[in-house]
C-alpha cells in the first residue's frame, strides 16, 4: 500500500508544470502609447536600424521616441572604362541623418537629410574634371508595421512593414536631378534557426531615367542574412539589385558586407562595404555611422 501511494504521488508530481515547460509570457500591450504618451523605457523593443545595409528593418520606433541614424562618412567610387569612355567619380557624403520618430505603436515617420556632399568626376579622355558640393536631396516618409513588431527572437517569428518615401529635390546643382521621386519598400524579416535572420525587401519606385528626360518605373530588391556573434556584433551579408523599365539599361547589382555593434541599449555603431557587380553599378562604397535612440 505504501508503495502504491508513493508511485501515485510521484506521478502526480511529474504531471505538474515546471519553469522550463511554462509557455513564454505574452509581451505587454503597448497600443495605448502615442507620440504624446511615450512608451516607458522598460518596455522598449530592441534597437533596430535602417542602416548600413540596404534591407531595412520592419520594426518601427516605439511611440514617443526618436532615433537618429547618422552616416558619419559615405564614400562611393565609380569607374567606367568601356570602349570610348574613361571616367572616374569620387563621391563623399558627410553627415547623412535619418530622423525616425515613433508616432504610434506600429507607425513612425522619418526624414533623411544630407548635411554635405562632395563629388569629383574626371573624364580622362577629355582631360576635364568637374566638381560639385553642398547640400543634397531630402527624403521624407513613414513606416507602418503590419505584424511582428513584438516578435522577439523566437525561431520562425516574422515581421512585415510598408514604407513609402518621397524624395524632395533640394540638392544643389550637380548633386541631384532636380525632380521629385517616390519609392515604396516592403521590408520583411524572419528569424531562422541557430540565431540567423533573413531579411527581404522588394520595392517599386517612380524615378527619373538615366538621361533625365522622363520618368520610369524601378524595381528594387534585396536579400540579407545576418547573425549576432562575438558578443554584440551583428554581421550581415546582402545582395541588392535595382532594375529599371528604361530600355538598354542594365540592372545595378551589389554584394554588401558589414556589421552593427550594439554599444548600449540605445547606441549602435555600424560599418559596411558594398561591391558593384557590373559597369552599371559603383565599383565600391564604404560607409560608417552611429545611431542613437532617445
Protein backbone atom coordinates (compact mmCIF):
# COMPACT_ATOMS: atom_id res chain seq x y z
CA UNK A 1 0.00 0.00 0.00
CA UNK A 2 2.80 2.43 0.85
CA UNK A 3 4.46 1.62 -2.48
CA UNK A 4 1.22 2.38 -4.38
CA UNK A 5 0.80 5.70 -2.52
CA UNK A 6 4.42 6.63 -3.30
CA UNK A 7 4.04 5.87 -7.01
CA UNK A 8 0.78 7.81 -7.21
CA UNK A 9 2.37 10.82 -5.54
CA UNK A 10 5.38 10.65 -7.86
CA UNK A 11 3.19 10.51 -10.96
CA UNK A 12 1.10 13.45 -9.75
CA UNK A 13 4.26 15.46 -9.07
CA UNK A 14 5.65 14.62 -12.53
CA UNK A 15 2.47 15.98 -14.13
CA UNK A 16 2.94 19.39 -12.53
CA UNK A 17 4.26 22.12 -14.93
CA UNK A 18 7.82 23.24 -14.33
CA UNK A 19 9.57 26.50 -15.02
CA UNK A 20 11.05 25.08 -18.22
CA UNK A 21 7.69 23.96 -19.61
CA UNK A 22 5.73 27.13 -18.88
CA UNK A 23 4.76 28.99 -22.08
CA UNK A 24 6.53 32.30 -22.65
CA UNK A 25 4.63 35.27 -21.29
CA UNK A 26 2.98 37.41 -23.93
CA UNK A 27 4.57 40.85 -24.34
CA UNK A 28 2.61 43.65 -22.67
CA UNK A 29 0.18 45.56 -24.87
CA UNK A 30 1.55 48.95 -25.91
CA UNK A 31 -1.22 50.14 -28.21
CA UNK A 32 -2.25 52.87 -25.76
CA UNK A 33 1.06 54.73 -26.19
CA UNK A 34 1.41 57.57 -28.69
CA UNK A 35 3.77 60.39 -29.60
CA UNK A 36 2.33 62.41 -26.72
CA UNK A 37 2.18 59.49 -24.26
CA UNK A 38 5.53 57.74 -24.83
CA UNK A 39 6.26 54.05 -24.34
CA UNK A 40 8.00 53.51 -20.96
CA UNK A 41 11.73 52.87 -21.28
CA UNK A 42 11.45 49.40 -19.71
CA UNK A 43 9.04 48.32 -22.50
CA UNK A 44 11.10 49.44 -25.49
CA UNK A 45 11.79 46.97 -28.27
CA UNK A 46 15.36 46.00 -29.06
CA UNK A 47 17.11 48.68 -31.08
CA UNK A 48 16.98 48.14 -34.86
CA UNK A 49 18.39 50.44 -37.55
CA UNK A 50 17.74 51.12 -41.23
CA UNK A 51 21.47 51.31 -41.93
CA UNK A 52 24.11 50.49 -43.06
CA UNK A 53 22.69 47.77 -45.34
CA UNK A 54 20.01 48.28 -47.99
CA UNK A 55 17.47 45.99 -46.32
CA UNK A 56 15.56 47.97 -43.69
CA UNK A 57 14.05 46.58 -40.52
CA UNK A 58 10.26 46.05 -40.49
CA UNK A 59 10.21 47.10 -36.83
CA UNK A 60 9.17 50.67 -36.02
CA UNK A 61 10.41 53.08 -33.37
CA UNK A 62 8.38 52.88 -30.15
CA UNK A 63 5.76 55.60 -29.77
CA UNK A 64 7.11 58.87 -28.38
CA UNK A 65 10.77 58.05 -29.02
CA UNK A 66 13.27 59.46 -31.52
CA UNK A 67 16.11 57.56 -33.19
CA UNK A 68 18.78 59.44 -35.13
CA UNK A 69 20.79 57.30 -37.52
CA UNK A 70 23.87 59.17 -38.74
CA UNK A 71 26.12 58.29 -41.65
CA UNK A 72 29.38 59.85 -40.48
CA UNK A 73 31.01 59.16 -43.86
CA UNK A 74 29.90 57.52 -47.09
CA UNK A 75 32.43 57.19 -49.91
CA UNK A 76 31.48 55.92 -53.38
CA UNK A 77 33.87 55.13 -56.23
CA UNK A 78 32.62 54.71 -59.79
CA UNK A 79 34.86 53.96 -62.77
CA UNK A 80 33.76 53.41 -66.37
CA UNK A 81 36.35 52.02 -68.76
CA UNK A 82 34.03 50.80 -71.51
CA UNK A 83 35.17 51.46 -75.12
CA UNK A 84 35.13 55.18 -75.82
CA UNK A 85 34.75 56.08 -72.14
CA UNK A 86 37.24 56.61 -69.34
CA UNK A 87 35.54 58.16 -66.31
CA UNK A 88 36.22 58.17 -62.60
CA UNK A 89 33.87 59.63 -60.00
CA UNK A 90 34.60 60.03 -56.29
CA UNK A 91 31.66 60.99 -54.11
CA UNK A 92 31.78 61.80 -50.39
CA UNK A 93 28.81 62.35 -48.08
CA UNK A 94 29.48 63.67 -44.59
CA UNK A 95 26.61 63.63 -42.14
CA UNK A 96 23.60 61.82 -43.58
CA UNK A 97 20.93 62.00 -40.88
CA UNK A 98 17.85 59.77 -40.75
CA UNK A 99 15.45 61.08 -38.09
CA UNK A 100 12.95 58.32 -37.14
CA UNK A 101 10.11 59.33 -34.81
CA UNK A 102 7.63 56.88 -33.27
CA UNK A 103 4.07 58.19 -33.61
CA UNK A 104 2.00 55.12 -32.70
CA UNK A 105 2.90 51.65 -31.50
CA UNK A 106 3.25 50.48 -35.12
CA UNK A 107 3.82 53.74 -37.01
CA UNK A 108 6.83 56.00 -37.42
CA UNK A 109 7.66 59.00 -39.61
CA UNK A 110 11.12 59.86 -40.85
CA UNK A 111 13.21 62.44 -42.67
CA UNK A 112 16.60 61.85 -44.30
CA UNK A 113 18.87 64.86 -44.84
CA UNK A 114 22.44 65.06 -46.14
CA UNK A 115 24.46 67.76 -44.44
CA UNK A 116 27.26 67.92 -47.02
CA UNK A 117 28.11 66.07 -50.25
CA UNK A 118 31.19 66.48 -52.42
CA UNK A 119 31.56 64.94 -55.87
CA UNK A 120 34.55 64.94 -58.24
CA UNK A 121 34.28 63.48 -61.75
CA UNK A 122 37.30 63.09 -64.02
CA UNK A 123 36.92 62.47 -67.78
CA UNK A 124 40.37 61.17 -68.69
CA UNK A 125 39.74 61.19 -72.42
CA UNK A 126 38.61 64.82 -72.49
CA UNK A 127 41.03 65.86 -69.75
CA UNK A 128 38.21 67.57 -67.85
CA UNK A 129 37.47 67.44 -64.12
CA UNK A 130 34.19 68.70 -62.67
CA UNK A 131 33.36 69.38 -59.04
CA UNK A 132 30.07 69.73 -57.17
CA UNK A 133 29.47 70.17 -53.47
CA UNK A 134 26.86 71.27 -50.98
CA UNK A 135 23.52 70.17 -49.61
CA UNK A 136 21.94 67.10 -51.24
CA UNK A 137 18.38 65.79 -51.69
CA UNK A 138 15.98 65.22 -48.79
CA UNK A 139 13.62 62.28 -48.26
CA UNK A 140 10.54 62.13 -46.06
CA UNK A 141 8.25 59.20 -45.39
CA UNK A 142 6.77 56.78 -42.92
CA UNK A 143 6.85 53.12 -41.91
CA UNK A 144 3.77 51.10 -40.91
CA UNK A 145 4.40 47.73 -39.28
CA UNK A 146 1.74 45.22 -40.36
CA UNK A 147 2.75 42.43 -37.99
CA UNK A 148 5.63 41.17 -35.86
CA UNK A 149 6.74 44.34 -34.08
CA UNK A 150 6.97 42.49 -30.76
CA UNK A 151 8.08 39.13 -32.16
CA UNK A 152 11.43 38.96 -30.41
CA UNK A 153 13.97 36.28 -31.37
CA UNK A 154 11.75 33.17 -31.41
CA UNK A 155 12.55 30.92 -34.39
CA UNK A 156 10.27 31.44 -37.44
CA UNK A 157 8.82 34.63 -35.99
CA UNK A 158 8.30 37.11 -38.83
CA UNK A 159 7.57 40.79 -39.35
CA UNK A 160 6.41 42.88 -42.31
CA UNK A 161 6.10 46.62 -42.91
CA UNK A 162 5.24 49.04 -45.69
CA UNK A 163 7.50 52.08 -46.05
CA UNK A 164 6.74 54.88 -48.57
CA UNK A 165 9.45 57.50 -49.14
CA UNK A 166 9.27 60.78 -51.09
CA UNK A 167 12.44 62.40 -52.44
CA UNK A 168 12.41 66.19 -52.39
CA UNK A 169 14.74 67.87 -54.95
CA UNK A 170 16.68 70.03 -52.50
CA UNK A 171 20.16 69.20 -53.88
CA UNK A 172 22.40 71.93 -55.17
CA UNK A 173 23.43 71.95 -58.84
CA UNK A 174 25.41 68.92 -59.90
CA UNK A 175 24.29 66.75 -56.97
CA UNK A 176 20.73 65.82 -57.98
CA UNK A 177 18.33 65.65 -60.90
CA UNK A 178 16.03 68.43 -59.64
CA UNK A 179 12.88 66.29 -59.68
CA UNK A 180 10.56 64.60 -57.21
CA UNK A 181 10.81 60.81 -56.94
CA UNK A 182 8.87 58.20 -54.99
CA UNK A 183 9.54 54.68 -53.69
CA UNK A 184 7.56 52.15 -51.63
CA UNK A 185 9.53 49.50 -49.75
CA UNK A 186 8.23 46.30 -48.13
CA UNK A 187 10.80 45.17 -45.53
CA UNK A 188 10.23 41.60 -44.31
CA UNK A 189 12.11 39.65 -41.63
CA UNK A 190 12.01 36.06 -40.40
CA UNK A 191 14.09 34.50 -37.61
CA UNK A 192 15.95 31.36 -38.71
CA UNK A 193 17.40 28.55 -36.56
CA UNK A 194 20.84 28.94 -34.99
CA UNK A 195 20.37 32.67 -34.45
CA UNK A 196 20.30 33.66 -38.12
CA UNK A 197 17.89 36.26 -39.52
CA UNK A 198 16.67 36.55 -43.10
CA UNK A 199 15.60 39.94 -44.41
CA UNK A 200 13.96 40.55 -47.78
CA UNK A 201 12.96 43.93 -49.18
CA UNK A 202 11.16 44.28 -52.51
CA UNK A 203 10.40 47.84 -53.60
CA UNK A 204 8.90 49.76 -56.50
CA UNK A 205 9.84 53.33 -57.44
CA UNK A 206 8.82 56.16 -59.74
CA UNK A 207 12.12 57.73 -60.78
CA UNK A 208 13.90 59.75 -63.45
CA UNK A 209 15.59 57.92 -66.30
CA UNK A 210 19.33 57.98 -66.99
CA UNK A 211 19.07 60.94 -69.40
CA UNK A 212 16.77 62.92 -67.07
CA UNK A 213 14.20 63.24 -69.88
CA UNK A 214 11.28 61.49 -68.20
CA UNK A 215 10.09 59.07 -65.53
CA UNK A 216 10.42 55.27 -65.48
CA UNK A 217 9.49 52.53 -63.03
CA UNK A 218 12.20 50.99 -60.91
CA UNK A 219 12.04 47.58 -59.24
CA UNK A 220 14.42 47.11 -56.35
CA UNK A 221 15.07 44.00 -54.30
CA UNK A 222 17.48 43.00 -51.57
CA UNK A 223 18.05 39.89 -49.51
CA UNK A 224 20.16 39.91 -46.36
CA UNK A 225 21.30 37.25 -43.88
CA UNK A 226 22.72 38.31 -40.51
CA UNK A 227 23.74 36.80 -37.20
CA UNK A 228 24.94 38.22 -33.89
CA UNK A 229 28.39 36.95 -32.95
CA UNK A 230 31.35 37.97 -30.82
CA UNK A 231 29.05 39.40 -28.19
CA UNK A 232 27.10 42.36 -29.60
CA UNK A 233 28.35 42.40 -33.20
CA UNK A 234 25.63 41.73 -35.79
CA UNK A 235 27.31 40.71 -39.09
CA UNK A 236 25.41 40.68 -42.39
CA UNK A 237 25.82 39.54 -45.99
CA UNK A 238 23.49 41.04 -48.58
CA UNK A 239 22.64 41.06 -52.29
CA UNK A 240 20.86 44.10 -53.72
CA UNK A 241 19.61 44.90 -57.22
CA UNK A 242 17.90 47.81 -58.95
CA UNK A 243 16.10 47.15 -62.24
CA UNK A 244 14.51 49.87 -64.35
CA UNK A 245 11.96 49.73 -67.14
CA UNK A 246 14.20 52.05 -69.18
CA UNK A 247 15.42 50.25 -72.29
CA UNK A 248 19.09 49.29 -72.75
CA UNK A 249 19.95 49.99 -69.11
CA UNK A 250 21.45 47.17 -67.07
CA UNK A 251 20.36 46.35 -63.54
CA UNK A 252 22.57 47.75 -60.80
CA UNK A 253 23.77 44.92 -58.53
CA UNK A 254 25.88 44.82 -55.38
CA UNK A 255 27.18 42.39 -52.80
CA UNK A 256 27.27 44.05 -49.39
CA UNK A 257 29.01 43.05 -46.17
CA UNK A 258 29.21 44.80 -42.83
CA UNK A 259 28.27 44.84 -39.21
CA UNK A 260 26.43 46.67 -36.44
CA UNK A 261 27.91 46.81 -32.96
CA UNK A 262 25.46 47.42 -30.11
CA UNK A 263 27.42 49.66 -27.78
CA UNK A 264 24.49 50.12 -25.35
CA UNK A 265 20.75 49.51 -25.48
CA UNK A 266 20.38 52.90 -27.18
CA UNK A 267 23.63 53.37 -29.13
CA UNK A 268 24.87 51.37 -32.12
CA UNK A 269 27.94 51.72 -34.33
CA UNK A 270 27.99 50.42 -37.89
CA UNK A 271 30.19 49.98 -40.93
CA UNK A 272 29.73 48.39 -44.34
CA UNK A 273 31.32 47.82 -47.74
CA UNK A 274 29.31 47.41 -50.96
CA UNK A 275 30.88 45.88 -54.07
CA UNK A 276 29.45 46.59 -57.53
CA UNK A 277 28.93 43.58 -59.79
CA UNK A 278 28.77 45.30 -63.20
CA UNK A 279 29.59 48.56 -65.01
CA UNK A 280 26.12 49.96 -64.20
CA UNK A 281 26.98 49.98 -60.51
CA UNK A 282 29.53 51.95 -58.46
CA UNK A 283 32.64 49.84 -58.02
CA UNK A 284 32.89 50.39 -54.29
CA UNK A 285 31.01 52.05 -51.46
CA UNK A 286 32.39 52.35 -47.92
CA UNK A 287 30.23 53.72 -45.13
CA UNK A 288 30.29 54.08 -41.37
CA UNK A 289 27.92 55.62 -38.85
CA UNK A 290 26.34 55.79 -35.45
CA UNK A 291 22.72 55.50 -34.32
CA UNK A 292 21.29 56.86 -31.06
CA UNK A 293 17.82 56.33 -29.58
CA UNK A 294 16.20 58.82 -27.20
